[in-house]
Protein backbone atom coordinates (compact mmCIF):
# COMPACT_ATOMS: atom_id res chain seq x y z
CA MET A 1 13.62 17.33 -6.20
CA THR A 2 16.71 15.44 -7.35
CA PRO A 3 17.75 11.81 -6.88
CA GLU A 4 20.49 13.08 -4.61
CA ALA A 5 18.00 14.51 -2.10
CA SER A 6 19.16 13.51 1.37
CA LEU A 7 17.32 12.73 4.56
CA SER A 8 16.69 15.67 6.85
CA ALA A 9 18.00 15.59 10.40
CA ARG A 10 14.53 14.87 11.77
CA GLU A 11 13.70 12.04 9.37
CA PRO A 12 14.28 8.51 10.71
CA SER A 13 16.50 6.26 8.65
CA SER A 14 15.42 2.86 7.36
CA ASP A 15 17.62 1.26 10.04
CA VAL A 16 15.68 3.07 12.77
CA LEU A 17 12.39 1.91 11.24
CA ALA A 18 13.07 -1.78 11.79
CA ILE A 19 9.99 -3.68 12.92
CA ASN A 20 9.96 -4.45 16.63
CA PRO A 21 9.97 -8.28 16.72
CA VAL A 22 7.72 -8.56 19.78
CA LEU A 23 5.15 -5.99 18.63
CA GLY A 24 5.31 -7.39 15.09
CA ARG A 25 4.39 -10.92 16.22
CA LEU A 26 1.73 -9.59 18.59
CA ALA A 27 0.15 -7.45 15.85
CA MET A 28 0.11 -10.44 13.49
CA VAL A 29 -1.73 -12.62 16.00
CA VAL A 30 -4.21 -9.92 17.02
CA THR A 31 -5.09 -8.87 13.48
CA GLN A 32 -4.79 -12.05 11.41
CA ASP A 33 -5.82 -14.68 13.95
CA LEU A 34 -8.41 -12.70 15.91
CA ALA A 35 -9.72 -9.44 14.39
CA LEU A 36 -10.11 -10.48 10.74
CA PRO A 37 -11.66 -13.96 11.30
CA LEU A 38 -14.04 -12.58 13.94
CA PHE A 39 -15.21 -9.62 11.84
CA PHE A 40 -15.36 -11.14 8.35
CA ARG A 41 -17.11 -14.39 7.47
CA ARG A 42 -15.13 -14.77 4.24
CA LEU A 43 -11.78 -13.41 3.04
CA THR A 44 -10.86 -13.95 -0.60
CA VAL A 45 -7.44 -13.34 -2.16
CA LEU A 46 -7.25 -13.06 -5.97
CA GLY A 47 -4.19 -12.72 -8.21
CA ALA A 48 -1.70 -13.91 -5.59
CA GLU A 49 0.46 -15.24 -8.44
CA HIS A 50 1.37 -11.63 -9.25
CA LEU A 51 3.03 -11.09 -5.86
CA PRO A 52 6.84 -11.19 -6.18
CA LEU A 53 8.56 -13.16 -3.43
CA GLU A 54 11.75 -11.13 -3.72
CA GLY A 55 13.02 -7.80 -5.00
CA PRO A 56 11.68 -4.28 -4.38
CA VAL A 57 7.90 -4.02 -4.62
CA LEU A 58 5.40 -1.17 -4.40
CA LEU A 59 1.83 -2.19 -3.64
CA ALA A 60 -0.72 0.40 -4.80
CA PRO A 61 -4.10 -0.45 -3.23
CA THR A 62 -7.45 1.27 -3.41
CA HIS A 63 -8.45 2.71 -0.03
CA ARG A 64 -12.00 1.96 1.13
CA SER A 65 -11.75 1.32 4.87
CA ARG A 66 -9.37 1.19 7.80
CA TRP A 67 -9.64 -2.58 7.42
CA ASP A 68 -7.49 -2.24 4.27
CA ALA A 69 -4.36 -1.94 6.39
CA LEU A 70 -5.14 -5.30 8.03
CA LEU A 71 -6.15 -7.10 4.85
CA LEU A 72 -2.89 -6.29 3.05
CA PRO A 73 -0.59 -8.07 5.54
CA HIS A 74 -3.06 -10.97 5.59
CA ALA A 75 -2.84 -11.30 1.79
CA ALA A 76 0.74 -10.21 1.12
CA GLY A 77 2.53 -10.27 4.46
CA ARG A 78 5.03 -12.56 6.12
CA ARG A 79 2.85 -15.66 6.26
CA ARG A 80 2.17 -15.58 2.51
CA THR A 81 5.28 -14.04 0.95
CA GLY A 82 7.90 -14.38 3.68
CA ARG A 83 8.24 -10.62 4.12
CA ASP A 84 6.44 -7.75 5.79
CA CYS A 85 4.29 -4.97 4.39
CA ARG A 86 5.92 -1.62 5.14
CA PHE A 87 3.34 1.19 5.07
CA MET A 88 3.85 4.78 4.00
CA VAL A 89 1.32 6.48 6.30
CA SER A 90 -0.20 9.97 6.25
CA ILE A 91 1.68 12.24 8.63
CA ASP A 92 -1.63 12.96 10.39
CA GLU A 93 -1.78 9.31 11.52
CA MET A 94 1.74 9.24 12.97
CA VAL A 95 0.99 11.13 16.16
CA GLY A 96 0.60 10.21 19.81
CA LEU A 97 0.39 6.63 21.02
CA GLN A 98 -0.88 5.44 17.64
CA GLY A 99 2.17 6.94 15.94
CA TRP A 100 4.45 5.27 18.47
CA PHE A 101 2.98 1.83 17.65
CA LEU A 102 2.91 2.44 13.88
CA GLN A 103 6.56 3.42 13.79
CA ARG A 104 7.55 0.27 15.68
CA LEU A 105 5.54 -1.77 13.19
CA GLY A 106 7.67 -0.38 10.37
CA CYS A 107 5.44 2.47 9.16
CA PHE A 108 6.82 5.87 8.23
CA PRO A 109 5.14 9.26 7.63
CA VAL A 110 4.53 11.24 4.46
CA ASN A 111 2.46 14.28 3.55
CA PRO A 112 0.24 12.84 0.76
CA ARG A 113 -0.56 16.29 -0.59
CA ARG A 114 3.07 17.40 -0.84
CA PRO A 115 5.41 14.41 -0.43
CA GLY A 116 8.76 15.82 0.63
CA PRO A 117 12.11 14.65 -0.74
CA SER A 118 13.16 13.21 2.62
CA SER A 119 10.13 10.89 2.80
CA LEU A 120 10.63 9.75 -0.79
CA ARG A 121 14.35 9.26 -0.22
CA LEU A 122 13.65 7.09 2.81
CA ALA A 123 11.21 5.01 0.77
CA VAL A 124 13.83 4.54 -1.97
CA GLU A 125 16.32 3.45 0.68
CA MET A 126 13.85 0.77 1.77
CA LEU A 127 13.29 -0.35 -1.81
CA GLN A 128 17.05 -0.61 -2.25
CA GLY A 129 16.90 -3.07 0.63
CA HIS A 130 14.31 -5.12 -1.32
CA GLN A 131 11.43 -4.21 0.97
CA GLN A 132 7.75 -4.46 0.11
CA LEU A 133 6.17 -1.01 0.49
CA VAL A 134 2.46 -0.16 0.61
CA VAL A 135 1.40 3.28 -0.62
CA PHE A 136 -2.27 4.27 -0.91
CA PRO A 137 -2.18 6.45 -4.04
CA GLU A 138 -5.56 8.06 -3.30
CA GLY A 139 -4.13 9.51 -0.10
CA ARG A 140 -7.32 8.98 1.91
CA ILE A 141 -10.26 6.63 2.40
CA GLN A 142 -12.77 7.00 -0.44
CA GLN A 143 -16.08 5.15 -0.08
CA ASP A 144 -18.02 6.33 -3.13
CA ASP A 145 -17.90 5.01 -6.68
CA GLU A 146 -16.29 8.02 -8.32
CA PRO A 147 -13.32 7.51 -10.68
CA LEU A 148 -10.01 7.09 -8.88
CA ARG A 149 -7.99 10.25 -8.30
CA LEU A 150 -4.39 9.44 -7.44
CA MET A 151 -1.92 11.64 -5.58
CA PRO A 152 1.49 12.08 -7.27
CA GLY A 153 3.59 10.54 -4.51
CA LEU A 154 3.68 6.91 -5.66
CA ALA A 155 4.55 7.76 -9.27
CA ARG A 156 7.31 10.10 -8.12
CA LEU A 157 8.65 7.42 -5.81
CA ALA A 158 8.71 4.83 -8.60
CA GLN A 159 10.44 7.26 -10.94
CA LEU A 160 13.02 8.22 -8.32
CA ALA A 161 13.73 4.56 -7.53
CA LEU A 162 14.25 3.69 -11.20
CA ALA A 163 16.52 6.73 -11.64
CA GLN A 164 18.73 5.25 -8.92
CA GLY A 165 18.80 1.82 -10.54
CA VAL A 166 16.23 0.15 -8.29
CA PRO A 167 14.10 -2.23 -10.44
CA VAL A 168 10.89 -1.71 -8.49
CA GLN A 169 7.70 -3.52 -9.47
CA VAL A 170 4.45 -1.58 -8.97
CA LEU A 171 1.40 -3.79 -8.36
CA PRO A 172 -2.15 -2.39 -8.54
CA VAL A 173 -4.35 -3.74 -5.77
CA GLY A 174 -8.14 -3.62 -5.52
CA ILE A 175 -10.06 -4.15 -2.27
CA GLY A 176 -13.78 -4.87 -2.05
CA TYR A 177 -16.26 -5.36 0.78
CA GLY A 178 -19.81 -6.67 0.91
CA HIS A 179 -20.93 -3.15 1.90
CA SER A 180 -19.43 0.27 1.27
CA ARG A 181 -18.85 0.49 5.02
CA PRO A 182 -17.82 -2.98 6.22
CA ARG A 183 -20.05 -4.42 8.90
CA PRO A 184 -19.63 -7.43 11.23
CA TRP A 185 -19.72 -10.83 9.48
CA ASP A 186 -19.24 -9.14 6.10
CA LYS A 187 -17.32 -10.50 3.10
CA ALA A 188 -14.02 -9.02 1.91
CA ALA A 189 -11.77 -9.63 -1.08
CA ILE A 190 -8.42 -8.33 -2.26
CA CYS A 191 -7.13 -8.63 -5.83
CA PHE A 192 -3.53 -8.18 -6.99
CA GLY A 193 -3.08 -7.08 -10.59
CA ALA A 194 -0.09 -7.54 -12.90
CA PRO A 195 2.90 -5.17 -12.37
CA GLN A 196 2.59 -1.83 -14.16
CA PRO A 197 5.68 -0.59 -16.04
CA LEU A 198 6.99 2.96 -15.72
CA GLU A 199 8.56 4.00 -19.00
CA GLY A 200 10.55 7.18 -19.59
CA ASP A 201 10.95 10.16 -17.28
CA GLY A 202 9.54 13.63 -16.89
CA ARG A 203 6.01 14.85 -16.31
CA ARG A 204 4.50 13.21 -19.37
CA ALA A 205 5.75 9.78 -18.31
CA LEU A 206 4.44 10.34 -14.78
CA ALA A 207 1.02 11.38 -16.08
CA SER A 208 0.82 8.36 -18.39
CA PHE A 209 1.88 5.97 -15.62
CA THR A 210 -0.62 7.46 -13.16
CA TYR A 211 -3.45 7.11 -15.69
CA LYS A 212 -2.61 3.46 -16.45
CA LEU A 213 -2.13 2.64 -12.75
CA ALA A 214 -5.53 4.12 -11.87
CA ALA A 215 -7.18 2.02 -14.60
CA ALA A 216 -5.43 -1.14 -13.36
CA MET A 217 -6.42 -0.42 -9.75
CA GLN A 218 -10.01 0.13 -10.84
CA SER A 219 -10.01 -3.18 -12.72
CA ALA A 220 -8.55 -5.03 -9.71
CA GLU A 221 -11.10 -3.47 -7.41
CA GLU A 222 -13.95 -4.51 -9.71
CA ALA A 223 -12.70 -8.11 -9.57
CA ALA A 224 -12.63 -7.90 -5.76
CA ARG A 225 -16.14 -6.44 -5.65
CA ARG A 226 -17.49 -9.18 -7.90
CA ALA A 227 -15.97 -11.74 -5.55
CA VAL A 228 -18.02 -10.36 -2.65
CA GLY A 229 -21.21 -10.00 -4.73
CA ARG A 230 -21.14 -6.21 -4.95
CA PRO A 231 -20.12 -5.17 -8.48
CA ARG A 232 -19.84 -1.49 -9.30
CA GLY A 233 -23.22 0.18 -9.37
CA ALA A 234 -24.67 -2.12 -6.70
CA ALA A 235 -25.90 -0.61 -3.44
């Protein structure tokens, strides 16, 4: 893959992926004013001072539940930072009626196992427009306490963006719940860590960045889990 990789004919452009204003407002009300307060008895946000209010940002959260995708806009979305969370979503999720809604809420597809140049190029285009992108580096929901295993897509995206002069900030994000599988009236917390620098290029730089990012995500998640009374090793 080269920085000059172009969008394929079937890939939507960042202009096409604008958030539908009506569906965007409706989704905000349904999720942040109804679903989250009714399901969780306490929502805690830690490290909000690390969230940039401008410039290109990549949020790299741990992935423990489908609730993660609702917690992130609550903690880092328009009401808190003045801008939306744009999600890079597994291609398996962007199908049917669900895919129709997700696309109109500003999400776009990627194959987490083999991220293609067109998907990465589209993401860089969004970062050039100073968007805030969310990429789950694990690629799937992981509910056990094993060490984090990150897919290569986020590191490649950050490296490609920097190669094109986009000063992207990569923030590790940890998410914790009162139980490994969130249940009604549970507690939830989200912790934003300090931006992680990507230095150099090539495979060695990518491997080093991925290792440090995983450690920072793990640390942020531990802070979130402590906030809900479920530190690592607890049931």
